[in-house]
Amino acid sequence: MKRGLWIIFAILSILIGLYPAIYYFHDNRFGLLSSKSEALTSSTPYLVFSTRILHLADWLC
């Protein structure tokens, strides 16, 4: 029973950790990214910030 709960917890943690990577590998703009302008998403500060979030999510999992 305890082992099964840990497996479920691990799978859910991996899925949540991989969610930010979808924005980099998916071609269409969706979710929060669809509300951002093209000028914003191509600016250097935004790219640095979003990369930092991706690395933070990777570090937490």
C-alpha atoms as a PDB file:
ATOM      1  CA  MET A   1       0.000   0.000   0.000  1.00  0.00           C
ATOM      2  CA  LYS A   2       2.736   2.453   0.993  1.00  0.00           C
ATOM      3  CA  ARG A   3       4.823   1.588  -2.060  1.00  0.00           C
ATOM      4  CA  GLY A   4       1.853   2.141  -4.369  1.00  0.00           C
ATOM      5  CA  LEU A   5       1.249   5.604  -2.955  1.00  0.00           C
ATOM      6  CA  TRP A   6       4.914   6.514  -3.494  1.00  0.00           C
ATOM      7  CA  ILE A   7       4.718   5.358  -7.110  1.00  0.00           C
ATOM      8  CA  ILE A   8       1.620   7.490  -7.701  1.00  0.00           C
ATOM      9  CA  PHE A   9       3.323  10.435  -5.980  1.00  0.00           C
ATOM     10  CA  ALA A  10       6.455  10.002  -8.121  1.00  0.00           C
ATOM     11  CA  ILE A  11       4.493   9.833 -11.382  1.00  0.00           C
ATOM     12  CA  LEU A  12       2.454  12.931 -10.534  1.00  0.00           C
ATOM     13  CA  SER A  13       5.613  14.809  -9.498  1.00  0.00           C
ATOM     14  CA  ILE A  14       7.308  13.977 -12.793  1.00  0.00           C
ATOM     15  CA  LEU A  15       4.263  15.085 -14.800  1.00  0.00           C
ATOM     16  CA  ILE A  16       4.019  18.379 -12.909  1.00  0.00           C
ATOM     17  CA  GLY A  17       7.760  18.933 -13.332  1.00  0.00           C
ATOM     18  CA  LEU A  18       7.589  18.351 -17.082  1.00  0.00           C
ATOM     19  CA  TYR A  19       4.675  20.743 -17.625  1.00  0.00           C
ATOM     20  CA  PRO A  20       6.850  23.864 -18.218  1.00  0.00           C
ATOM     21  CA  ALA A  21       8.781  22.009 -20.928  1.00  0.00           C
ATOM     22  CA  ILE A  22       5.571  21.696 -22.967  1.00  0.00           C
ATOM     23  CA  TYR A  23       5.807  25.412 -23.753  1.00  0.00           C
ATOM     24  CA  TYR A  24       9.190  24.877 -25.416  1.00  0.00           C
ATOM     25  CA  PHE A  25       8.358  21.739 -27.381  1.00  0.00           C
ATOM     26  CA  HIS A  26       4.771  22.434 -28.422  1.00  0.00           C
ATOM     27  CA  ASP A  27       4.316  24.432 -31.635  1.00  0.00           C
ATOM     28  CA  ASN A  28       1.042  26.192 -30.813  1.00  0.00           C
ATOM     29  CA  ARG A  29       0.633  28.946 -28.264  1.00  0.00           C
ATOM     30  CA  PHE A  30      -1.726  27.829 -25.502  1.00  0.00           C
ATOM     31  CA  GLY A  31      -2.488  28.481 -21.852  1.00  0.00           C
ATOM     32  CA  LEU A  32      -0.789  31.495 -20.299  1.00  0.00           C
ATOM     33  CA  LEU A  33       1.568  31.812 -23.245  1.00  0.00           C
ATOM     34  CA  SER A  34      -1.323  32.630 -25.586  1.00  0.00           C
ATOM     35  CA  SER A  35      -2.039  35.818 -23.627  1.00  0.00           C
ATOM     36  CA  LYS A  36       1.495  37.169 -24.193  1.00  0.00           C
ATOM     37  CA  SER A  37       2.429  39.274 -27.208  1.00  0.00           C
ATOM     38  CA  GLU A  38       5.046  38.141 -29.728  1.00  0.00           C
ATOM     39  CA  ALA A  39       7.251  41.108 -28.792  1.00  0.00           C
ATOM     40  CA  LEU A  40       7.230  40.080 -25.133  1.00  0.00           C
ATOM     41  CA  THR A  41       7.963  36.408 -25.694  1.00  0.00           C
ATOM     42  CA  SER A  42      10.901  37.183 -27.975  1.00  0.00           C
ATOM     43  CA  SER A  43      12.494  39.722 -25.594  1.00  0.00           C
ATOM     44  CA  THR A  44      15.661  38.750 -23.741  1.00  0.00           C
ATOM     45  CA  PRO A  45      14.358  39.436 -20.196  1.00  0.00           C
ATOM     46  CA  TYR A  46      11.312  37.237 -20.804  1.00  0.00           C
ATOM     47  CA  LEU A  47      13.448  34.409 -22.208  1.00  0.00           C
ATOM     48  CA  VAL A  48      15.812  34.607 -19.225  1.00  0.00           C
ATOM     49  CA  PHE A  49      12.867  34.586 -16.802  1.00  0.00           C
ATOM     50  CA  SER A  50      11.099  31.671 -18.479  1.00  0.00           C
ATOM     51  CA  THR A  51      14.326  29.647 -18.677  1.00  0.00           C
ATOM     52  CA  ARG A  52      14.884  30.304 -14.972  1.00  0.00           C
ATOM     53  CA  ILE A  53      11.404  28.968 -14.208  1.00  0.00           C
ATOM     54  CA  LEU A  54      12.098  25.850 -16.287  1.00  0.00           C
ATOM     55  CA  HIS A  55      15.364  25.223 -14.423  1.00  0.00           C
ATOM     56  CA  LEU A  56      13.679  25.837 -11.059  1.00  0.00           C
ATOM     57  CA  ALA A  57      10.981  23.299 -11.904  1.00  0.00           C
ATOM     58  CA  ASP A  58      13.682  20.829 -12.950  1.00  0.00           C
ATOM     59  CA  TRP A  59      15.605  21.443  -9.721  1.00  0.00           C
ATOM     60  CA  LEU A  60      12.532  20.898  -7.540  1.00  0.00           C
ATOM     61  CA  CYS A  61      11.736  17.494  -9.035  1.00  0.00           C
END
